[in-house]
Full PDB file with SEQRES, HELIX, SHEET, SSBOND, CRYST1, ORIGX, SCALE, CONECT and MASTER records, all heavy atoms in Angstrom:
SEQRES   1 A   29  ASP LYS ALA PHE LYS ASN GLU LEU LYS LYS TRP MET ARG          
SEQRES   2 A   29  TYR ASN TYR LYS HIS ALA MET GLU THR LYS ASP GLY LEU          
SEQRES   3 A   29  SER TYR SER                                                  
HELIX    1 AA1 LYS A    2  LYS A   10  1                                   9    
HELIX    2 AA2 TYR A   16  THR A   22  1                                   7    
SHEET    1 AA1 2 MET A  12  ARG A  13  0                                        
SHEET    2 AA1 2 LEU A  26  SER A  27  1                                        
CRYST1    1.000    1.000    1.000  90.00  90.00  90.00 P 1           1          
ORIGX1      1.000000  0.000000  0.000000        0.00000                         
ORIGX2      0.000000  1.000000  0.000000        0.00000                         
ORIGX3      0.000000  0.000000  1.000000        0.00000                         
SCALE1      1.000000  0.000000  0.000000        0.00000                         
SCALE2      0.000000  1.000000  0.000000        0.00000                         
SCALE3      0.000000  0.000000  1.000000        0.00000                         
ATOM      1  N   ASP A   1       0.852  -1.189   0.000  1.00  0.00           N  
ATOM      2  CA  ASP A   1       0.000   0.000   0.000  1.00  0.00           C  
ATOM      3  C   ASP A   1       0.893   1.245   0.000  1.00  0.00           C  
ATOM      4  O   ASP A   1       1.569   1.542   0.983  1.00  0.00           O  
ATOM      5  CB  ASP A   1      -0.898  -0.022   1.242  1.00  0.00           C  
ATOM      6  CG  ASP A   1      -1.895   1.122   1.283  1.00  0.00           C  
ATOM      7  OD1 ASP A   1      -1.667   2.155   0.617  1.00  0.00           O  
ATOM      8  OD2 ASP A   1      -2.905   1.001   2.000  1.00  0.00           O  
ATOM      9  N   LYS A   2       0.884   1.975  -1.092  1.00  0.00           N  
ATOM     10  CA  LYS A   2       1.745   3.142  -1.232  1.00  0.00           C  
ATOM     11  C   LYS A   2       1.449   4.193  -0.172  1.00  0.00           C  
ATOM     12  O   LYS A   2       2.371   4.813   0.384  1.00  0.00           O  
ATOM     13  CB  LYS A   2       1.588   3.742  -2.626  1.00  0.00           C  
ATOM     14  CG  LYS A   2       2.545   4.899  -2.902  1.00  0.00           C  
ATOM     15  CD  LYS A   2       2.401   5.390  -4.339  1.00  0.00           C  
ATOM     16  CE  LYS A   2       3.366   6.548  -4.608  1.00  0.00           C  
ATOM     17  NZ  LYS A   2       3.226   7.042  -6.013  1.00  0.00           N  
ATOM     18  N   ALA A   3       0.170   4.394   0.144  1.00  0.00           N  
ATOM     19  CA  ALA A   3      -0.206   5.399   1.146  1.00  0.00           C  
ATOM     20  C   ALA A   3       0.330   5.024   2.520  1.00  0.00           C  
ATOM     21  O   ALA A   3       0.814   5.881   3.265  1.00  0.00           O  
ATOM     22  CB  ALA A   3      -1.725   5.553   1.188  1.00  0.00           C  
ATOM     23  N   PHE A   4       0.251   3.748   2.868  1.00  0.00           N  
ATOM     24  CA  PHE A   4       0.788   3.278   4.154  1.00  0.00           C  
ATOM     25  C   PHE A   4       2.294   3.523   4.221  1.00  0.00           C  
ATOM     26  O   PHE A   4       2.815   4.023   5.227  1.00  0.00           O  
ATOM     27  CB  PHE A   4       0.502   1.789   4.339  1.00  0.00           C  
ATOM     28  CG  PHE A   4       1.227   1.182   5.506  1.00  0.00           C  
ATOM     29  CD1 PHE A   4       0.731   1.309   6.797  1.00  0.00           C  
ATOM     30  CD2 PHE A   4       2.422   0.504   5.323  1.00  0.00           C  
ATOM     31  CE1 PHE A   4       1.420   0.766   7.890  1.00  0.00           C  
ATOM     32  CE2 PHE A   4       3.114  -0.047   6.405  1.00  0.00           C  
ATOM     33  CZ  PHE A   4       2.601   0.085   7.680  1.00  0.00           C  
ATOM     34  N   LYS A   5       3.004   3.174   3.158  1.00  0.00           N  
ATOM     35  CA  LYS A   5       4.452   3.348   3.148  1.00  0.00           C  
ATOM     36  C   LYS A   5       4.835   4.825   3.248  1.00  0.00           C  
ATOM     37  O   LYS A   5       5.780   5.186   3.954  1.00  0.00           O  
ATOM     38  CB  LYS A   5       5.047   2.725   1.891  1.00  0.00           C  
ATOM     39  CG  LYS A   5       5.023   1.202   1.889  1.00  0.00           C  
ATOM     40  CD  LYS A   5       5.553   0.621   0.581  1.00  0.00           C  
ATOM     41  CE  LYS A   5       7.028   0.912   0.391  1.00  0.00           C  
ATOM     42  NZ  LYS A   5       7.570   0.212  -0.791  1.00  0.00           N  
ATOM     43  N   ASN A   6       4.104   5.689   2.561  1.00  0.00           N  
ATOM     44  CA  ASN A   6       4.410   7.120   2.614  1.00  0.00           C  
ATOM     45  C   ASN A   6       4.201   7.679   4.019  1.00  0.00           C  
ATOM     46  O   ASN A   6       4.984   8.506   4.493  1.00  0.00           O  
ATOM     47  CB  ASN A   6       3.559   7.881   1.611  1.00  0.00           C  
ATOM     48  CG  ASN A   6       4.008   7.659   0.177  1.00  0.00           C  
ATOM     49  OD1 ASN A   6       5.151   7.280  -0.071  1.00  0.00           O  
ATOM     50  ND2 ASN A   6       3.115   7.882  -0.778  1.00  0.00           N  
ATOM     51  N   GLU A   7       3.120   7.226   4.685  1.00  0.00           N  
ATOM     52  CA  GLU A   7       2.865   7.690   6.051  1.00  0.00           C  
ATOM     53  C   GLU A   7       3.953   7.191   6.993  1.00  0.00           C  
ATOM     54  O   GLU A   7       4.422   7.933   7.863  1.00  0.00           O  
ATOM     55  CB  GLU A   7       1.502   7.205   6.513  1.00  0.00           C  
ATOM     56  CG  GLU A   7       1.104   7.701   7.900  1.00  0.00           C  
ATOM     57  CD  GLU A   7      -0.301   7.272   8.277  1.00  0.00           C  
ATOM     58  OE1 GLU A   7      -0.471   6.107   8.699  1.00  0.00           O  
ATOM     59  OE2 GLU A   7      -1.227   8.104   8.150  1.00  0.00           O  
ATOM     60  N   LEU A   8       4.369   5.941   6.828  1.00  0.00           N  
ATOM     61  CA  LEU A   8       5.425   5.380   7.660  1.00  0.00           C  
ATOM     62  C   LEU A   8       6.730   6.146   7.464  1.00  0.00           C  
ATOM     63  O   LEU A   8       7.403   6.516   8.434  1.00  0.00           O  
ATOM     64  CB  LEU A   8       5.615   3.904   7.316  1.00  0.00           C  
ATOM     65  CG  LEU A   8       6.722   3.156   8.066  1.00  0.00           C  
ATOM     66  CD1 LEU A   8       6.463   3.156   9.571  1.00  0.00           C  
ATOM     67  CD2 LEU A   8       6.847   1.724   7.539  1.00  0.00           C  
ATOM     68  N   LYS A   9       7.094   6.408   6.222  1.00  0.00           N  
ATOM     69  CA  LYS A   9       8.345   7.116   5.935  1.00  0.00           C  
ATOM     70  C   LYS A   9       8.333   8.542   6.484  1.00  0.00           C  
ATOM     71  O   LYS A   9       9.375   9.077   6.886  1.00  0.00           O  
ATOM     72  CB  LYS A   9       8.614   7.129   4.425  1.00  0.00           C  
ATOM     73  CG  LYS A   9       9.036   5.775   3.873  1.00  0.00           C  
ATOM     74  CD  LYS A   9       9.470   5.856   2.418  1.00  0.00           C  
ATOM     75  CE  LYS A   9       8.319   6.112   1.492  1.00  0.00           C  
ATOM     76  NZ  LYS A   9       8.730   6.066   0.058  1.00  0.00           N  
ATOM     77  N   LYS A  10       7.137   9.145   6.531  1.00  0.00           N  
ATOM     78  CA  LYS A  10       7.009  10.499   7.082  1.00  0.00           C  
ATOM     79  C   LYS A  10       7.477  10.552   8.533  1.00  0.00           C  
ATOM     80  O   LYS A  10       8.006  11.573   8.991  1.00  0.00           O  
ATOM     81  CB  LYS A  10       5.553  10.953   6.969  1.00  0.00           C  
ATOM     82  CG  LYS A  10       5.261  12.294   7.623  1.00  0.00           C  
ATOM     83  CD  LYS A  10       3.778  12.633   7.558  1.00  0.00           C  
ATOM     84  CE  LYS A  10       3.475  13.924   8.317  1.00  0.00           C  
ATOM     85  NZ  LYS A  10       2.013  14.242   8.297  1.00  0.00           N  
ATOM     86  N   TRP A  11       7.290   9.450   9.269  1.00  0.00           N  
ATOM     87  CA  TRP A  11       7.636   9.432  10.687  1.00  0.00           C  
ATOM     88  C   TRP A  11       8.968   8.740  10.975  1.00  0.00           C  
ATOM     89  O   TRP A  11       9.335   8.574  12.137  1.00  0.00           O  
ATOM     90  CB  TRP A  11       6.506   8.779  11.487  1.00  0.00           C  
ATOM     91  CG  TRP A  11       5.308   9.659  11.537  1.00  0.00           C  
ATOM     92  CD1 TRP A  11       4.192   9.598  10.758  1.00  0.00           C  
ATOM     93  CD2 TRP A  11       5.126  10.789  12.394  1.00  0.00           C  
ATOM     94  NE1 TRP A  11       3.326  10.607  11.071  1.00  0.00           N  
ATOM     95  CE2 TRP A  11       3.867  11.356  12.080  1.00  0.00           C  
ATOM     96  CE3 TRP A  11       5.903  11.368  13.403  1.00  0.00           C  
ATOM     97  CZ2 TRP A  11       3.374  12.478  12.736  1.00  0.00           C  
ATOM     98  CZ3 TRP A  11       5.401  12.477  14.059  1.00  0.00           C  
ATOM     99  CH2 TRP A  11       4.159  13.021  13.730  1.00  0.00           C  
ATOM    100  N   MET A  12       9.704   8.360   9.951  1.00  0.00           N  
ATOM    101  CA  MET A  12      11.031   7.782  10.166  1.00  0.00           C  
ATOM    102  C   MET A  12      12.053   8.882  10.402  1.00  0.00           C  
ATOM    103  O   MET A  12      12.013   9.928   9.750  1.00  0.00           O  
ATOM    104  CB  MET A  12      11.446   6.940   8.957  1.00  0.00           C  
ATOM    105  CG  MET A  12      10.765   5.600   8.884  1.00  0.00           C  
ATOM    106  SD  MET A  12      11.409   4.608   7.515  1.00  0.00           S  
ATOM    107  CE  MET A  12      10.626   3.043   7.842  1.00  0.00           C  
ATOM    108  N   ARG A  13      12.960   8.639  11.331  1.00  0.00           N  
ATOM    109  CA  ARG A  13      14.049   9.575  11.622  1.00  0.00           C  
ATOM    110  C   ARG A  13      15.359   8.871  11.267  1.00  0.00           C  
ATOM    111  O   ARG A  13      15.736   7.892  11.907  1.00  0.00           O  
ATOM    112  CB  ARG A  13      13.999   9.996  13.098  1.00  0.00           C  
ATOM    113  CG  ARG A  13      12.644  10.560  13.535  1.00  0.00           C  
ATOM    114  CD  ARG A  13      12.282  11.807  12.768  1.00  0.00           C  
ATOM    115  NE  ARG A  13      10.962  12.349  13.121  1.00  0.00           N  
ATOM    116  CZ  ARG A  13       9.937  12.426  12.288  1.00  0.00           C  
ATOM    117  NH1 ARG A  13      10.067  11.966  11.045  1.00  0.00           N  
ATOM    118  NH2 ARG A  13       8.787  12.945  12.675  1.00  0.00           N  
ATOM    119  N   TYR A  14      16.035   9.392  10.243  1.00  0.00           N  
ATOM    120  CA  TYR A  14      17.036   8.601   9.535  1.00  0.00           C  
ATOM    121  C   TYR A  14      18.439   8.611  10.128  1.00  0.00           C  
ATOM    122  O   TYR A  14      19.268   7.794   9.766  1.00  0.00           O  
ATOM    123  CB  TYR A  14      17.081   9.043   8.074  1.00  0.00           C  
ATOM    124  CG  TYR A  14      15.819   8.684   7.332  1.00  0.00           C  
ATOM    125  CD1 TYR A  14      14.799   9.617   7.133  1.00  0.00           C  
ATOM    126  CD2 TYR A  14      15.621   7.394   6.856  1.00  0.00           C  
ATOM    127  CE1 TYR A  14      13.634   9.274   6.456  1.00  0.00           C  
ATOM    128  CE2 TYR A  14      14.458   7.044   6.179  1.00  0.00           C  
ATOM    129  CZ  TYR A  14      13.470   7.987   5.984  1.00  0.00           C  
ATOM    130  OH  TYR A  14      12.312   7.657   5.324  1.00  0.00           O  
ATOM    131  N   ASN A  15      18.715   9.557  11.012  1.00  0.00           N  
ATOM    132  CA  ASN A  15      20.008   9.547  11.714  1.00  0.00           C  
ATOM    133  C   ASN A  15      19.860  10.355  13.003  1.00  0.00           C  
ATOM    134  O   ASN A  15      18.777  10.877  13.306  1.00  0.00           O  
ATOM    135  CB  ASN A  15      21.145  10.088  10.831  1.00  0.00           C  
ATOM    136  CG  ASN A  15      20.864  11.478  10.277  1.00  0.00           C  
ATOM    137  OD1 ASN A  15      20.110  12.258  10.866  1.00  0.00           O  
ATOM    138  ND2 ASN A  15      21.473  11.804   9.152  1.00  0.00           N  
ATOM    139  N   TYR A  16      20.940  10.448  13.757  1.00  0.00           N  
ATOM    140  CA  TYR A  16      20.871  11.102  15.069  1.00  0.00           C  
ATOM    141  C   TYR A  16      20.432  12.559  14.939  1.00  0.00           C  
ATOM    142  O   TYR A  16      19.581  13.029  15.701  1.00  0.00           O  
ATOM    143  CB  TYR A  16      22.244  11.025  15.747  1.00  0.00           C  
ATOM    144  CG  TYR A  16      22.278  11.691  17.102  1.00  0.00           C  
ATOM    145  CD1 TYR A  16      21.774  11.041  18.227  1.00  0.00           C  
ATOM    146  CD2 TYR A  16      22.806  12.974  17.261  1.00  0.00           C  
ATOM    147  CE1 TYR A  16      21.793  11.646  19.475  1.00  0.00           C  
ATOM    148  CE2 TYR A  16      22.823  13.590  18.507  1.00  0.00           C  
ATOM    149  CZ  TYR A  16      22.325  12.923  19.606  1.00  0.00           C  
ATOM    150  OH  TYR A  16      22.325  13.533  20.842  1.00  0.00           O  
ATOM    151  N   LYS A  17      20.990  13.277  13.984  1.00  0.00           N  
ATOM    152  CA  LYS A  17      20.642  14.686  13.806  1.00  0.00           C  
ATOM    153  C   LYS A  17      19.161  14.848  13.499  1.00  0.00           C  
ATOM    154  O   LYS A  17      18.481  15.715  14.076  1.00  0.00           O  
ATOM    155  CB  LYS A  17      21.472  15.292  12.675  1.00  0.00           C  
ATOM    156  CG  LYS A  17      21.182  16.773  12.424  1.00  0.00           C  
ATOM    157  CD  LYS A  17      22.008  17.317  11.270  1.00  0.00           C  
ATOM    158  CE  LYS A  17      21.676  18.785  11.003  1.00  0.00           C  
ATOM    159  NZ  LYS A  17      22.458  19.314   9.852  1.00  0.00           N  
ATOM    160  N   HIS A  18      18.641  14.015  12.626  1.00  0.00           N  
ATOM    161  CA  HIS A  18      17.232  14.077  12.260  1.00  0.00           C  
ATOM    162  C   HIS A  18      16.353  13.800  13.475  1.00  0.00           C  
ATOM    163  O   HIS A  18      15.351  14.486  13.715  1.00  0.00           O  
ATOM    164  CB  HIS A  18      16.953  13.055  11.146  1.00  0.00           C  
ATOM    165  CG  HIS A  18      15.601  13.169  10.536  1.00  0.00           C  
ATOM    166  ND1 HIS A  18      15.018  12.149   9.804  1.00  0.00           N  
ATOM    167  CD2 HIS A  18      14.682  14.184  10.547  1.00  0.00           C  
ATOM    168  CE1 HIS A  18      13.827  12.537   9.395  1.00  0.00           C  
ATOM    169  NE2 HIS A  18      13.597  13.753   9.822  1.00  0.00           N  
ATOM    170  N   ALA A  19      16.720  12.793  14.272  1.00  0.00           N  
ATOM    171  CA  ALA A  19      15.946  12.435  15.460  1.00  0.00           C  
ATOM    172  C   ALA A  19      15.947  13.572  16.482  1.00  0.00           C  
ATOM    173  O   ALA A  19      14.927  13.851  17.122  1.00  0.00           O  
ATOM    174  CB  ALA A  19      16.504  11.164  16.084  1.00  0.00           C  
ATOM    175  N   MET A  20      17.079  14.244  16.648  1.00  0.00           N  
ATOM    176  CA  MET A  20      17.169  15.335  17.611  1.00  0.00           C  
ATOM    177  C   MET A  20      16.402  16.572  17.137  1.00  0.00           C  
ATOM    178  O   MET A  20      15.933  17.365  17.951  1.00  0.00           O  
ATOM    179  CB  MET A  20      18.639  15.702  17.861  1.00  0.00           C  
ATOM    180  CG  MET A  20      19.420  14.645  18.641  1.00  0.00           C  
ATOM    181  SD  MET A  20      18.720  14.328  20.299  1.00  0.00           S  
ATOM    182  CE  MET A  20      17.776  12.814  19.996  1.00  0.00           C  
ATOM    183  N   GLU A  21      16.280  16.738  15.840  1.00  0.00           N  
ATOM    184  CA  GLU A  21      15.537  17.883  15.314  1.00  0.00           C  
ATOM    185  C   GLU A  21      14.046  17.777  15.628  1.00  0.00           C  
ATOM    186  O   GLU A  21      13.391  18.776  15.905  1.00  0.00           O  
ATOM    187  CB  GLU A  21      15.730  17.969  13.795  1.00  0.00           C  
ATOM    188  CG  GLU A  21      17.102  18.472  13.367  1.00  0.00           C  
ATOM    189  CD  GLU A  21      17.305  18.376  11.869  1.00  0.00           C  
ATOM    190  OE1 GLU A  21      16.438  17.763  11.190  1.00  0.00           O  
ATOM    191  OE2 GLU A  21      18.316  18.886  11.369  1.00  0.00           O  
ATOM    192  N   THR A  22      13.510  16.580  15.587  1.00  0.00           N  
ATOM    193  CA  THR A  22      12.066  16.399  15.754  1.00  0.00           C  
ATOM    194  C   THR A  22      11.685  15.887  17.146  1.00  0.00           C  
ATOM    195  O   THR A  22      10.601  16.185  17.636  1.00  0.00           O  
ATOM    196  CB  THR A  22      11.536  15.398  14.716  1.00  0.00           C  
ATOM    197  OG1 THR A  22      12.151  14.122  14.932  1.00  0.00           O  
ATOM    198  CG2 THR A  22      11.847  15.870  13.301  1.00  0.00           C  
ATOM    199  N   LYS A  23      12.566  15.071  17.753  1.00  0.00           N  
ATOM    200  CA  LYS A  23      12.315  14.457  19.077  1.00  0.00           C  
ATOM    201  C   LYS A  23      11.019  13.645  19.093  1.00  0.00           C  
ATOM    202  O   LYS A  23      10.309  13.578  20.100  1.00  0.00           O  
ATOM    203  CB  LYS A  23      12.325  15.513  20.183  1.00  0.00           C  
ATOM    204  CG  LYS A  23      13.663  16.222  20.334  1.00  0.00           C  
ATOM    205  CD  LYS A  23      13.689  17.132  21.538  1.00  0.00           C  
ATOM    206  CE  LYS A  23      15.000  17.910  21.629  1.00  0.00           C  
ATOM    207  NZ  LYS A  23      16.158  17.036  21.774  1.00  0.00           N  
ATOM    208  N   ASP A  24      10.705  13.061  17.960  1.00  0.00           N  
ATOM    209  CA  ASP A  24       9.566  12.146  17.872  1.00  0.00           C  
ATOM    210  C   ASP A  24       9.845  11.185  16.719  1.00  0.00           C  
ATOM    211  O   ASP A  24      10.951  11.146  16.176  1.00  0.00           O  
ATOM    212  CB  ASP A  24       8.249  12.913  17.663  1.00  0.00           C  
ATOM    213  CG  ASP A  24       8.224  13.733  16.379  1.00  0.00           C  
ATOM    214  OD1 ASP A  24       9.131  13.568  15.529  1.00  0.00           O  
ATOM    215  OD2 ASP A  24       7.302  14.558  16.201  1.00  0.00           O  
ATOM    216  N   GLY A  25       8.872  10.398  16.348  1.00  0.00           N  
ATOM    217  CA  GLY A  25       9.030   9.515  15.205  1.00  0.00           C  
ATOM    218  C   GLY A  25       9.829   8.261  15.517  1.00  0.00           C  
ATOM    219  O   GLY A  25      10.233   8.000  16.649  1.00  0.00           O  
ATOM    220  N   LEU A  26      10.060   7.465  14.477  1.00  0.00           N  
ATOM    221  CA  LEU A  26      10.745   6.179  14.593  1.00  0.00           C  
ATOM    222  C   LEU A  26      12.231   6.372  14.317  1.00  0.00           C  
ATOM    223  O   LEU A  26      12.649   6.532  13.173  1.00  0.00           O  
ATOM    224  CB  LEU A  26      10.133   5.180  13.602  1.00  0.00           C  
ATOM    225  CG  LEU A  26       8.650   4.889  13.834  1.00  0.00           C  
ATOM    226  CD1 LEU A  26       8.056   4.140  12.638  1.00  0.00           C  
ATOM    227  CD2 LEU A  26       8.447   4.098  15.114  1.00  0.00           C  
ATOM    228  N   SER A  27      13.012   6.352  15.365  1.00  0.00           N  
ATOM    229  CA  SER A  27      14.444   6.596  15.248  1.00  0.00           C  
ATOM    230  C   SER A  27      15.136   5.484  14.466  1.00  0.00           C  
ATOM    231  O   SER A  27      14.752   4.314  14.544  1.00  0.00           O  
ATOM    232  CB  SER A  27      15.067   6.706  16.640  1.00  0.00           C  
ATOM    233  OG  SER A  27      16.468   6.665  16.576  1.00  0.00           O  
ATOM    234  N   TYR A  28      16.162   5.855  13.715  1.00  0.00           N  
ATOM    235  CA  TYR A  28      16.981   4.885  12.985  1.00  0.00           C  
ATOM    236  C   TYR A  28      17.472   3.768  13.893  1.00  0.00           C  
ATOM    237  O   TYR A  28      17.583   2.604  13.491  1.00  0.00           O  
ATOM    238  CB  TYR A  28      18.192   5.592  12.359  1.00  0.00           C  
ATOM    239  CG  TYR A  28      19.180   6.110  13.382  1.00  0.00           C  
ATOM    240  CD1 TYR A  28      20.323   5.392  13.703  1.00  0.00           C  
ATOM    241  CD2 TYR A  28      18.945   7.302  14.060  1.00  0.00           C  
ATOM    242  CE1 TYR A  28      21.214   5.851  14.668  1.00  0.00           C  
ATOM    243  CE2 TYR A  28      19.812   7.763  15.027  1.00  0.00           C  
ATOM    244  CZ  TYR A  28      20.942   7.031  15.320  1.00  0.00           C  
ATOM    245  OH  TYR A  28      21.814   7.487  16.291  1.00  0.00           O  
ATOM    246  N   SER A  29      17.722   4.087  15.163  1.00  0.00           N  
ATOM    247  CA  SER A  29      18.308   3.109  16.083  1.00  0.00           C  
ATOM    248  C   SER A  29      17.333   1.984  16.428  1.00  0.00           C  
ATOM    249  O   SER A  29      17.754   0.860  16.699  1.00  0.00           O  
ATOM    250  CB  SER A  29      18.782   3.798  17.364  1.00  0.00           C  
ATOM    251  OG  SER A  29      17.723   4.453  18.015  1.00  0.00           O  
TER     252      SER A  29                                                      
MASTER        0    0    0    2    2    0    0    6  251    1    0    3          
END                                                                             
């Protein structure tokens, strides 16, 4: 499901800097 994947990717945090910028979402770790 393309819509499901797009929503999931919206909340992925791809590295430490990205995770610290948002302080939410699914961290790379």
